[in-house]
Amino acid sequence: MSQIEEIRAFVMVVETGSLTQAAERLGIAVSAVSRRLKDLELRLGAPLIQRTTRRMYLNEVGQGFYERCKAVLDELEAAQQEVLNSGGGLGGVLRISAPLSFGVSHMSSAISQFMHAHPDVRIDMDLSDKRVDLVAEGFDLAIRIGVLSDSSLIAKKISTVRNIPCASPDFVSRHPPFKKPEDLEQLPALVYSNEKTPNDWRYRGPDGKTGVLRVKPRLSASNGDVLREAAIAGLGITCLPNFLHYDAINNGLLQPVLPDYEWAELDVYAVYPKTTILPKRTRAFVDFISTRYGKDPYWNKIHA
């Protein structure tokens, strides 16, 4: 077994915290990972990872060794990528994280189109509203919507989405005409719970004045598809990004509320770790989706 493969196994165990997860990432058996780790420690004559029945953790020697090994592997990857980038084709595995609803609704066809154009690229895609740690969890890039907080990442804005409050036509017909945000305060609201202040809907009026509508949730959910379907069922008013409900609005299942008001806008970003040489496949995918979505994406085409 080469020293490089032993080191790869060691680094992957450290970053995943599990022999099983390390084996899945490396595409080998758990026993092979365990063997490589054991051979590495025997060759060095020192334990690197302490093991208990419940967890694994680095000792002091292992921590220093991990940091050096990680730097060596990063440099090796950069050197290999530099050679690959000098050629014309794209290849390798591209690990992508994306929000669940956005990924299902708007990235499925994009992924397929990209893979048809680059048949040697393999995609490993994780769809979840949980924000992953790109470096620790081994992702090449992530799609994120909203305010970015991690300054250690490179971010490229690829589009903008607008929040639009809406309800079913039946729900709207059962209430007096809505003329101002205050008319919505006592109505049942369907809110996205992953926001910092999910009960506050910010707006700008036709006169340019801004305000905050404080709503009363009837349903809180961490997934926008659930809220959209609840709104279609007539359970209340929801304020969702237009990429989630533009189809339902265009098909008459939902109706925008207070369309003369502007509600919060959110930017869509592709984010990726800082690296000496950005893998060609990563750069190609970022450029591809930037072009595909652009400044005026198709989900802005709401005909209500």
C-alpha atoms as a PDB file:
ATOM      1  CA  MET A   1       0.000   0.000   0.000  1.00  0.00           C
ATOM      2  CA  SER A   2       1.409   3.399  -0.974  1.00  0.00           C
ATOM      3  CA  GLN A   3       2.011   6.027   1.667  1.00  0.00           C
ATOM      4  CA  ILE A   4      -0.247   8.443  -0.234  1.00  0.00           C
ATOM      5  CA  GLU A   5      -3.234   6.064   0.046  1.00  0.00           C
ATOM      6  CA  GLU A   6      -2.558   5.616   3.751  1.00  0.00           C
ATOM      7  CA  ILE A   7      -2.460   9.375   4.196  1.00  0.00           C
ATOM      8  CA  ARG A   8      -5.655   9.852   2.161  1.00  0.00           C
ATOM      9  CA  ALA A   9      -7.423   7.360   4.405  1.00  0.00           C
ATOM     10  CA  PHE A  10      -6.109   9.060   7.547  1.00  0.00           C
ATOM     11  CA  VAL A  11      -7.192  12.535   6.401  1.00  0.00           C
ATOM     12  CA  MET A  12     -10.622  11.294   5.352  1.00  0.00           C
ATOM     13  CA  VAL A  13     -11.180   9.584   8.714  1.00  0.00           C
ATOM     14  CA  VAL A  14     -10.258  12.801  10.506  1.00  0.00           C
ATOM     15  CA  GLU A  15     -12.562  14.947   8.339  1.00  0.00           C
ATOM     16  CA  THR A  16     -15.549  12.614   8.492  1.00  0.00           C
ATOM     17  CA  GLY A  17     -15.004  11.353  12.034  1.00  0.00           C
ATOM     18  CA  SER A  18     -15.966   7.851  10.970  1.00  0.00           C
ATOM     19  CA  LEU A  19     -14.391   4.837   9.303  1.00  0.00           C
ATOM     20  CA  THR A  20     -17.700   4.120   7.567  1.00  0.00           C
ATOM     21  CA  GLN A  21     -18.087   7.618   6.112  1.00  0.00           C
ATOM     22  CA  ALA A  22     -14.421   7.699   5.112  1.00  0.00           C
ATOM     23  CA  ALA A  23     -14.870   4.409   3.277  1.00  0.00           C
ATOM     24  CA  GLU A  24     -17.937   5.772   1.447  1.00  0.00           C
ATOM     25  CA  ARG A  25     -16.033   8.890   0.342  1.00  0.00           C
ATOM     26  CA  LEU A  26     -13.038   6.863  -0.815  1.00  0.00           C
ATOM     27  CA  GLY A  27     -15.144   4.183  -2.463  1.00  0.00           C
ATOM     28  CA  ILE A  28     -13.487   1.309  -0.608  1.00  0.00           C
ATOM     29  CA  ALA A  29     -14.415  -1.138   2.140  1.00  0.00           C
ATOM     30  CA  VAL A  30     -14.393  -0.096   5.803  1.00  0.00           C
ATOM     31  CA  SER A  31     -11.857  -2.853   6.467  1.00  0.00           C
ATOM     32  CA  ALA A  32      -9.536  -1.311   3.873  1.00  0.00           C
ATOM     33  CA  VAL A  33      -9.692   2.087   5.566  1.00  0.00           C
ATOM     34  CA  SER A  34      -9.012   0.492   8.946  1.00  0.00           C
ATOM     35  CA  ARG A  35      -6.068  -1.423   7.497  1.00  0.00           C
ATOM     36  CA  ARG A  36      -4.528   1.664   5.910  1.00  0.00           C
ATOM     37  CA  LEU A  37      -4.848   3.604   9.145  1.00  0.00           C
ATOM     38  CA  LYS A  38      -3.267   0.776  11.117  1.00  0.00           C
ATOM     39  CA  ASP A  39      -0.400   0.392   8.622  1.00  0.00           C
ATOM     40  CA  LEU A  40       0.252   4.139   8.772  1.00  0.00           C
ATOM     41  CA  GLU A  41       0.486   4.149  12.565  1.00  0.00           C
ATOM     42  CA  LEU A  42       2.699   1.056  12.553  1.00  0.00           C
ATOM     43  CA  ARG A  43       5.031   2.604   9.977  1.00  0.00           C
ATOM     44  CA  LEU A  44       5.261   5.837  11.986  1.00  0.00           C
ATOM     45  CA  GLY A  45       5.575   4.015  15.291  1.00  0.00           C
ATOM     46  CA  ALA A  46       3.032   6.279  16.959  1.00  0.00           C
ATOM     47  CA  PRO A  47      -0.750   6.338  17.415  1.00  0.00           C
ATOM     48  CA  LEU A  48      -2.487   9.218  15.644  1.00  0.00           C
ATOM     49  CA  ILE A  49      -6.145   8.676  16.490  1.00  0.00           C
ATOM     50  CA  GLN A  50      -7.541   7.704  19.870  1.00  0.00           C
ATOM     51  CA  ARG A  51     -10.487   5.310  19.725  1.00  0.00           C
ATOM     52  CA  THR A  52     -13.248   4.687  22.227  1.00  0.00           C
ATOM     53  CA  THR A  53     -16.419   2.648  21.854  1.00  0.00           C
ATOM     54  CA  ARG A  54     -18.316   5.789  20.831  1.00  0.00           C
ATOM     55  CA  ARG A  55     -15.944   8.118  19.029  1.00  0.00           C
ATOM     56  CA  MET A  56     -12.559   8.737  17.418  1.00  0.00           C
ATOM     57  CA  TYR A  57     -10.452  11.811  18.016  1.00  0.00           C
ATOM     58  CA  LEU A  58      -6.967  13.091  17.205  1.00  0.00           C
ATOM     59  CA  ASN A  59      -4.251  13.128  19.810  1.00  0.00           C
ATOM     60  CA  GLU A  60      -1.670  15.927  19.849  1.00  0.00           C
ATOM     61  CA  VAL A  61       0.731  14.113  17.499  1.00  0.00           C
ATOM     62  CA  GLY A  62      -2.129  13.254  15.167  1.00  0.00           C
ATOM     63  CA  GLN A  63      -3.322  16.856  14.997  1.00  0.00           C
ATOM     64  CA  GLY A  64       0.042  18.137  13.819  1.00  0.00           C
ATOM     65  CA  PHE A  65       0.407  15.255  11.368  1.00  0.00           C
ATOM     66  CA  TYR A  66      -3.095  15.863   9.976  1.00  0.00           C
ATOM     67  CA  GLU A  67      -2.396  19.526   9.284  1.00  0.00           C
ATOM     68  CA  ARG A  68       0.776  18.683   7.349  1.00  0.00           C
ATOM     69  CA  CYS A  69      -0.863  15.810   5.470  1.00  0.00           C
ATOM     70  CA  LYS A  70      -3.821  17.982   4.502  1.00  0.00           C
ATOM     71  CA  ALA A  71      -1.452  20.583   3.072  1.00  0.00           C
ATOM     72  CA  VAL A  72       0.423  17.899   1.117  1.00  0.00           C
ATOM     73  CA  LEU A  73      -2.785  16.457  -0.367  1.00  0.00           C
ATOM     74  CA  ASP A  74      -4.061  19.934  -1.267  1.00  0.00           C
ATOM     75  CA  GLU A  75      -0.805  20.690  -3.047  1.00  0.00           C
ATOM     76  CA  LEU A  76      -0.916  17.357  -4.848  1.00  0.00           C
ATOM     77  CA  GLU A  77      -4.496  18.030  -5.973  1.00  0.00           C
ATOM     78  CA  ALA A  78      -3.498  21.499  -7.172  1.00  0.00           C
ATOM     79  CA  ALA A  79      -0.574  20.074  -9.142  1.00  0.00           C
ATOM     80  CA  GLN A  80      -2.768  17.426 -10.749  1.00  0.00           C
ATOM     81  CA  GLN A  81      -5.475  19.950 -11.517  1.00  0.00           C
ATOM     82  CA  GLU A  82      -2.969  22.282 -13.142  1.00  0.00           C
ATOM     83  CA  VAL A  83      -2.069  19.514 -15.571  1.00  0.00           C
ATOM     84  CA  LEU A  84      -5.735  18.658 -16.177  1.00  0.00           C
ATOM     85  CA  ASN A  85      -6.593  22.303 -16.758  1.00  0.00           C
ATOM     86  CA  SER A  86      -4.006  22.474 -19.500  1.00  0.00           C
ATOM     87  CA  GLY A  87      -6.037  19.976 -21.510  1.00  0.00           C
ATOM     88  CA  GLY A  88      -9.362  20.469 -23.205  1.00  0.00           C
ATOM     89  CA  GLY A  89     -11.644  17.973 -21.442  1.00  0.00           C
ATOM     90  CA  LEU A  90     -13.341  17.955 -18.065  1.00  0.00           C
ATOM     91  CA  GLY A  91     -13.413  14.976 -15.762  1.00  0.00           C
ATOM     92  CA  GLY A  92     -13.585  13.809 -12.173  1.00  0.00           C
ATOM     93  CA  VAL A  93     -16.186  14.045  -9.409  1.00  0.00           C
ATOM     94  CA  LEU A  94     -17.993  17.311  -8.675  1.00  0.00           C
ATOM     95  CA  ARG A  95     -19.614  17.393  -5.221  1.00  0.00           C
ATOM     96  CA  ILE A  96     -22.410  19.956  -4.996  1.00  0.00           C
ATOM     97  CA  SER A  97     -24.641  21.035  -2.107  1.00  0.00           C
ATOM     98  CA  ALA A  98     -27.907  22.858  -2.835  1.00  0.00           C
ATOM     99  CA  PRO A  99     -31.116  23.814  -0.988  1.00  0.00           C
ATOM    100  CA  LEU A 100     -33.716  21.059  -1.280  1.00  0.00           C
ATOM    101  CA  SER A 101     -36.557  22.862  -3.072  1.00  0.00           C
ATOM    102  CA  PHE A 102     -34.307  24.898  -5.353  1.00  0.00           C
ATOM    103  CA  GLY A 103     -32.263  21.836  -6.216  1.00  0.00           C
ATOM    104  CA  VAL A 104     -35.249  19.673  -7.087  1.00  0.00           C
ATOM    105  CA  SER A 105     -37.153  22.354  -9.020  1.00  0.00           C
ATOM    106  CA  HIS A 106     -34.376  24.192 -10.808  1.00  0.00           C
ATOM    107  CA  MET A 107     -31.123  22.234 -10.772  1.00  0.00           C
ATOM    108  CA  SER A 108     -32.230  18.797 -11.945  1.00  0.00           C
ATOM    109  CA  SER A 109     -32.450  19.781 -15.607  1.00  0.00           C
ATOM    110  CA  ALA A 110     -29.355  21.968 -15.323  1.00  0.00           C
ATOM    111  CA  ILE A 111     -27.327  19.060 -13.934  1.00  0.00           C
ATOM    112  CA  SER A 112     -28.504  16.796 -16.745  1.00  0.00           C
ATOM    113  CA  GLN A 113     -27.614  19.365 -19.389  1.00  0.00           C
ATOM    114  CA  PHE A 114     -24.158  19.917 -17.898  1.00  0.00           C
ATOM    115  CA  MET A 115     -23.449  16.181 -17.720  1.00  0.00           C
ATOM    116  CA  HIS A 116     -24.508  15.678 -21.340  1.00  0.00           C
ATOM    117  CA  ALA A 117     -22.029  18.396 -22.327  1.00  0.00           C
ATOM    118  CA  HIS A 118     -19.259  16.884 -20.161  1.00  0.00           C
ATOM    119  CA  PRO A 119     -19.690  13.081 -20.119  1.00  0.00           C
ATOM    120  CA  ASP A 120     -16.501  12.455 -18.106  1.00  0.00           C
ATOM    121  CA  VAL A 121     -17.731  14.517 -15.141  1.00  0.00           C
ATOM    122  CA  ARG A 122     -19.489  12.649 -12.332  1.00  0.00           C
ATOM    123  CA  ILE A 123     -21.856  14.521 -10.015  1.00  0.00           C
ATOM    124  CA  ASP A 124     -22.359  13.827  -6.310  1.00  0.00           C
ATOM    125  CA  MET A 125     -25.217  16.089  -5.206  1.00  0.00           C
ATOM    126  CA  ASP A 126     -26.546  16.692  -1.685  1.00  0.00           C
ATOM    127  CA  LEU A 127     -29.957  18.370  -1.415  1.00  0.00           C
ATOM    128  CA  SER A 128     -30.693  19.835   1.994  1.00  0.00           C
ATOM    129  CA  ASP A 129     -31.626  23.172   3.555  1.00  0.00           C
ATOM    130  CA  LYS A 130     -28.852  22.557   6.098  1.00  0.00           C
ATOM    131  CA  ARG A 131     -25.740  24.635   5.431  1.00  0.00           C
ATOM    132  CA  VAL A 132     -22.823  22.280   5.001  1.00  0.00           C
ATOM    133  CA  ASP A 133     -19.190  22.958   5.832  1.00  0.00           C
ATOM    134  CA  LEU A 134     -17.698  22.771   2.341  1.00  0.00           C
ATOM    135  CA  VAL A 135     -14.125  22.116   3.446  1.00  0.00           C
ATOM    136  CA  ALA A 136     -14.818  19.692   6.303  1.00  0.00           C
ATOM    137  CA  GLU A 137     -17.444  17.747   4.336  1.00  0.00           C
ATOM    138  CA  GLY A 138     -15.513  17.672   1.079  1.00  0.00           C
ATOM    139  CA  PHE A 139     -17.814  19.669  -1.222  1.00  0.00           C
ATOM    140  CA  ASP A 140     -16.516  21.442  -4.316  1.00  0.00           C
ATOM    141  CA  LEU A 141     -19.245  24.078  -4.282  1.00  0.00           C
ATOM    142  CA  ALA A 142     -22.635  24.954  -2.854  1.00  0.00           C
ATOM    143  CA  ILE A 143     -25.626  26.927  -4.031  1.00  0.00           C
ATOM    144  CA  ARG A 144     -26.772  29.312  -1.328  1.00  0.00           C
ATOM    145  CA  ILE A 145     -29.690  31.725  -1.220  1.00  0.00           C
ATOM    146  CA  GLY A 146     -29.704  34.779   1.045  1.00  0.00           C
ATOM    147  CA  VAL A 147     -27.097  36.473   3.212  1.00  0.00           C
ATOM    148  CA  LEU A 148     -23.646  34.874   3.220  1.00  0.00           C
ATOM    149  CA  SER A 149     -21.768  34.633   6.490  1.00  0.00           C
ATOM    150  CA  ASP A 150     -18.649  32.561   5.783  1.00  0.00           C
ATOM    151  CA  SER A 151     -15.901  34.931   4.585  1.00  0.00           C
ATOM    152  CA  SER A 152     -13.501  32.007   4.021  1.00  0.00           C
ATOM    153  CA  LEU A 153     -15.396  31.066   0.846  1.00  0.00           C
ATOM    154  CA  ILE A 154     -15.398  32.555  -2.631  1.00  0.00           C
ATOM    155  CA  ALA A 155     -18.891  33.584  -3.746  1.00  0.00           C
ATOM    156  CA  LYS A 156     -20.231  34.372  -7.192  1.00  0.00           C
ATOM    157  CA  LYS A 157     -23.714  35.812  -7.533  1.00  0.00           C
ATOM    158  CA  ILE A 158     -25.634  33.900 -10.177  1.00  0.00           C
ATOM    159  CA  SER A 159     -29.134  35.332  -9.866  1.00  0.00           C
ATOM    160  CA  THR A 160     -31.725  37.067  -7.697  1.00  0.00           C
ATOM    161  CA  VAL A 161     -35.067  35.834  -6.392  1.00  0.00           C
ATOM    162  CA  ARG A 162     -37.967  37.920  -5.112  1.00  0.00           C
ATOM    163  CA  ASN A 163     -40.296  37.092  -2.260  1.00  0.00           C
ATOM    164  CA  ILE A 164     -43.958  37.361  -3.220  1.00  0.00           C
ATOM    165  CA  PRO A 165     -46.828  36.944  -0.750  1.00  0.00           C
ATOM    166  CA  CYS A 166     -49.658  34.880  -2.174  1.00  0.00           C
ATOM    167  CA  ALA A 167     -52.701  32.809  -1.308  1.00  0.00           C
ATOM    168  CA  SER A 168     -55.237  30.649  -3.112  1.00  0.00           C
ATOM    169  CA  PRO A 169     -57.972  32.489  -5.058  1.00  0.00           C
ATOM    170  CA  ASP A 170     -60.550  30.902  -2.748  1.00  0.00           C
ATOM    171  CA  PHE A 171     -58.764  32.208   0.346  1.00  0.00           C
ATOM    172  CA  VAL A 172     -58.534  35.705  -1.148  1.00  0.00           C
ATOM    173  CA  SER A 173     -62.236  35.678  -2.076  1.00  0.00           C
ATOM    174  CA  ARG A 174     -63.226  34.878   1.520  1.00  0.00           C
ATOM    175  CA  HIS A 175     -61.697  38.109   2.841  1.00  0.00           C
ATOM    176  CA  PRO A 176     -62.173  41.829   2.195  1.00  0.00           C
ATOM    177  CA  PRO A 177     -59.839  43.305  -0.466  1.00  0.00           C
ATOM    178  CA  PHE A 178     -56.246  43.629   0.707  1.00  0.00           C
ATOM    179  CA  LYS A 179     -55.084  47.233   0.285  1.00  0.00           C
ATOM    180  CA  LYS A 180     -52.109  47.511   2.655  1.00  0.00           C
ATOM    181  CA  PRO A 181     -49.816  45.141   4.616  1.00  0.00           C
ATOM    182  CA  GLU A 182     -51.685  45.787   7.855  1.00  0.00           C
ATOM    183  CA  ASP A 183     -54.705  44.021   6.303  1.00  0.00           C
ATOM    184  CA  LEU A 184     -52.739  40.761   6.515  1.00  0.00           C
ATOM    185  CA  GLU A 185     -51.733  40.953  10.182  1.00  0.00           C
ATOM    186  CA  GLN A 186     -54.598  38.900  11.608  1.00  0.00           C
ATOM    187  CA  LEU A 187     -54.722  36.316   8.827  1.00  0.00           C
ATOM    188  CA  PRO A 188     -53.264  32.794   9.206  1.00  0.00           C
ATOM    189  CA  ALA A 189     -49.710  32.822   7.865  1.00  0.00           C
ATOM    190  CA  LEU A 190     -47.583  29.999   6.482  1.00  0.00           C
ATOM    191  CA  VAL A 191     -43.964  30.801   7.342  1.00  0.00           C
ATOM    192  CA  TYR A 192     -40.528  29.448   6.489  1.00  0.00           C
ATOM    193  CA  SER A 193     -38.960  28.541   9.816  1.00  0.00           C
ATOM    194  CA  ASN A 194     -35.320  28.579   8.666  1.00  0.00           C
ATOM    195  CA  GLU A 195     -35.320  32.384   8.547  1.00  0.00           C
ATOM    196  CA  LYS A 196     -33.826  34.291  11.492  1.00  0.00           C
ATOM    197  CA  THR A 197     -37.103  36.196  11.948  1.00  0.00           C
ATOM    198  CA  PRO A 198     -39.670  34.072  10.098  1.00  0.00           C
ATOM    199  CA  ASN A 199     -42.670  36.057  11.359  1.00  0.00           C
ATOM    200  CA  ASP A 200     -41.354  39.364   9.975  1.00  0.00           C
ATOM    201  CA  TRP A 201     -42.096  40.097   6.294  1.00  0.00           C
ATOM    202  CA  ARG A 202     -40.246  43.202   5.089  1.00  0.00           C
ATOM    203  CA  TYR A 203     -41.636  45.361   2.312  1.00  0.00           C
ATOM    204  CA  ARG A 204     -41.338  48.622   0.383  1.00  0.00           C
ATOM    205  CA  GLY A 205     -44.540  50.427  -0.527  1.00  0.00           C
ATOM    206  CA  PRO A 206     -45.426  52.196  -3.796  1.00  0.00           C
ATOM    207  CA  ASP A 207     -44.447  55.468  -2.089  1.00  0.00           C
ATOM    208  CA  GLY A 208     -40.947  54.107  -1.319  1.00  0.00           C
ATOM    209  CA  LYS A 209     -41.541  53.764   2.410  1.00  0.00           C
ATOM    210  CA  THR A 210     -40.330  50.551   4.035  1.00  0.00           C
ATOM    211  CA  GLY A 211     -41.909  48.545   6.796  1.00  0.00           C
ATOM    212  CA  VAL A 212     -42.155  45.167   8.497  1.00  0.00           C
ATOM    213  CA  LEU A 213     -45.316  43.091   8.620  1.00  0.00           C
ATOM    214  CA  ARG A 214     -45.512  40.923  11.747  1.00  0.00           C
ATOM    215  CA  VAL A 215     -47.584  37.855  10.873  1.00  0.00           C
ATOM    216  CA  LYS A 216     -49.205  35.143  13.004  1.00  0.00           C
ATOM    217  CA  PRO A 217     -48.122  31.665  11.889  1.00  0.00           C
ATOM    218  CA  ARG A 218     -50.681  28.934  11.468  1.00  0.00           C
ATOM    219  CA  LEU A 219     -48.041  26.674   9.932  1.00  0.00           C
ATOM    220  CA  SER A 220     -44.250  26.860  10.223  1.00  0.00           C
ATOM    221  CA  ALA A 221     -42.098  24.582   8.074  1.00  0.00           C
ATOM    222  CA  SER A 222     -38.449  24.324   7.063  1.00  0.00           C
ATOM    223  CA  ASN A 223     -39.379  23.467   3.463  1.00  0.00           C
ATOM    224  CA  GLY A 224     -40.945  25.844   0.951  1.00  0.00           C
ATOM    225  CA  ASP A 225     -42.744  23.144  -1.028  1.00  0.00           C
ATOM    226  CA  VAL A 226     -44.799  22.284   2.054  1.00  0.00           C
ATOM    227  CA  LEU A 227     -45.781  25.930   2.499  1.00  0.00           C
ATOM    228  CA  ARG A 228     -46.698  26.330  -1.170  1.00  0.00           C
ATOM    229  CA  GLU A 229     -48.969  23.288  -1.091  1.00  0.00           C
ATOM    230  CA  ALA A 230     -50.589  24.516   2.128  1.00  0.00           C
ATOM    231  CA  ALA A 231     -51.270  27.868   0.476  1.00  0.00           C
ATOM    232  CA  ILE A 232     -52.774  26.151  -2.582  1.00  0.00           C
ATOM    233  CA  ALA A 233     -55.021  24.223  -0.166  1.00  0.00           C
ATOM    234  CA  GLY A 234     -56.326  27.542   1.152  1.00  0.00           C
ATOM    235  CA  LEU A 235     -54.803  27.353   4.632  1.00  0.00           C
ATOM    236  CA  GLY A 236     -53.386  30.874   4.678  1.00  0.00           C
ATOM    237  CA  ILE A 237     -51.018  33.410   3.161  1.00  0.00           C
ATOM    238  CA  THR A 238     -47.367  32.623   2.534  1.00  0.00           C
ATOM    239  CA  CYS A 239     -44.458  34.774   1.390  1.00  0.00           C
ATOM    240  CA  LEU A 240     -42.063  32.643  -0.635  1.00  0.00           C
ATOM    241  CA  PRO A 241     -39.247  33.184  -3.152  1.00  0.00           C
ATOM    242  CA  ASN A 242     -40.702  33.316  -6.651  1.00  0.00           C
ATOM    243  CA  PHE A 243     -38.732  30.260  -7.800  1.00  0.00           C
ATOM    244  CA  LEU A 244     -40.988  28.186  -5.534  1.00  0.00           C
ATOM    245  CA  HIS A 245     -44.437  29.299  -6.658  1.00  0.00           C
ATOM    246  CA  TYR A 246     -44.131  30.980 -10.053  1.00  0.00           C
ATOM    247  CA  ASP A 247     -45.684  27.913 -11.707  1.00  0.00           C
ATOM    248  CA  ALA A 248     -48.598  27.815  -9.246  1.00  0.00           C
ATOM    249  CA  ILE A 249     -49.257  31.529  -9.832  1.00  0.00           C
ATOM    250  CA  ASN A 250     -49.074  31.222 -13.614  1.00  0.00           C
ATOM    251  CA  ASN A 251     -51.481  28.263 -13.465  1.00  0.00           C
ATOM    252  CA  GLY A 252     -53.994  30.114 -11.306  1.00  0.00           C
ATOM    253  CA  LEU A 253     -53.485  27.979  -8.215  1.00  0.00           C
ATOM    254  CA  LEU A 254     -52.099  30.919  -6.238  1.00  0.00           C
ATOM    255  CA  GLN A 255     -52.716  34.638  -6.454  1.00  0.00           C
ATOM    256  CA  PRO A 256     -50.187  37.363  -5.545  1.00  0.00           C
ATOM    257  CA  VAL A 257     -51.268  39.580  -2.675  1.00  0.00           C
ATOM    258  CA  LEU A 258     -50.512  43.331  -2.659  1.00  0.00           C
ATOM    259  CA  PRO A 259     -48.644  43.185  -5.993  1.00  0.00           C
ATOM    260  CA  ASP A 260     -47.870  46.925  -5.865  1.00  0.00           C
ATOM    261  CA  TYR A 261     -45.570  46.325  -2.905  1.00  0.00           C
ATOM    262  CA  GLU A 262     -41.986  45.090  -3.191  1.00  0.00           C
ATOM    263  CA  TRP A 263     -40.991  42.372  -0.776  1.00  0.00           C
ATOM    264  CA  ALA A 264     -37.549  41.124   0.219  1.00  0.00           C
ATOM    265  CA  GLU A 265     -35.111  40.083  -2.496  1.00  0.00           C
ATOM    266  CA  LEU A 266     -32.575  37.309  -2.018  1.00  0.00           C
ATOM    267  CA  ASP A 267     -29.432  36.681  -4.025  1.00  0.00           C
ATOM    268  CA  VAL A 268     -28.467  33.232  -5.284  1.00  0.00           C
ATOM    269  CA  TYR A 269     -24.754  32.436  -5.021  1.00  0.00           C
ATOM    270  CA  ALA A 270     -22.376  29.701  -6.048  1.00  0.00           C
ATOM    271  CA  VAL A 271     -19.808  29.423  -3.252  1.00  0.00           C
ATOM    272  CA  TYR A 272     -16.620  27.393  -3.189  1.00  0.00           C
ATOM    273  CA  PRO A 273     -13.499  27.124  -0.998  1.00  0.00           C
ATOM    274  CA  LYS A 274     -10.476  29.298  -1.584  1.00  0.00           C
ATOM    275  CA  THR A 275      -7.854  27.239  -3.358  1.00  0.00           C
ATOM    276  CA  THR A 276      -4.628  27.790  -5.228  1.00  0.00           C
ATOM    277  CA  ILE A 277      -6.106  26.384  -8.439  1.00  0.00           C
ATOM    278  CA  LEU A 278      -9.846  26.078  -8.890  1.00  0.00           C
ATOM    279  CA  PRO A 279     -10.666  22.720 -10.520  1.00  0.00           C
ATOM    280  CA  LYS A 280     -11.683  23.161 -14.127  1.00  0.00           C
ATOM    281  CA  ARG A 281     -14.915  21.234 -13.627  1.00  0.00           C
ATOM    282  CA  THR A 282     -15.916  23.562 -10.773  1.00  0.00           C
ATOM    283  CA  ARG A 283     -15.235  26.693 -12.796  1.00  0.00           C
ATOM    284  CA  ALA A 284     -17.098  25.260 -15.779  1.00  0.00           C
ATOM    285  CA  PHE A 285     -20.164  24.455 -13.685  1.00  0.00           C
ATOM    286  CA  VAL A 286     -20.249  27.886 -12.030  1.00  0.00           C
ATOM    287  CA  ASP A 287     -20.014  29.575 -15.429  1.00  0.00           C
ATOM    288  CA  PHE A 288     -22.698  27.249 -16.801  1.00  0.00           C
ATOM    289  CA  ILE A 289     -25.343  27.978 -14.156  1.00  0.00           C
ATOM    290  CA  SER A 290     -24.498  31.706 -14.171  1.00  0.00           C
ATOM    291  CA  THR A 291     -25.300  31.781 -17.864  1.00  0.00           C
ATOM    292  CA  ARG A 292     -28.350  29.529 -17.498  1.00  0.00           C
ATOM    293  CA  TYR A 293     -30.046  31.609 -14.787  1.00  0.00           C
ATOM    294  CA  GLY A 294     -28.644  35.065 -15.492  1.00  0.00           C
ATOM    295  CA  LYS A 295     -29.971  38.420 -14.340  1.00  0.00           C
ATOM    296  CA  ASP A 296     -33.590  37.694 -15.288  1.00  0.00           C
ATOM    297  CA  PRO A 297     -34.243  33.965 -14.675  1.00  0.00           C
ATOM    298  CA  TYR A 298     -37.313  32.191 -15.963  1.00  0.00           C
ATOM    299  CA  TRP A 299     -38.955  32.096 -12.518  1.00  0.00           C
ATOM    300  CA  ASN A 300     -39.302  35.885 -12.708  1.00  0.00           C
ATOM    301  CA  LYS A 301     -41.809  35.399 -15.536  1.00  0.00           C
ATOM    302  CA  ILE A 302     -44.971  35.563 -13.435  1.00  0.00           C
ATOM    303  CA  HIS A 303     -48.167  36.388 -15.326  1.00  0.00           C
ATOM    304  CA  ALA A 304     -50.626  37.220 -12.622  1.00  0.00           C
END
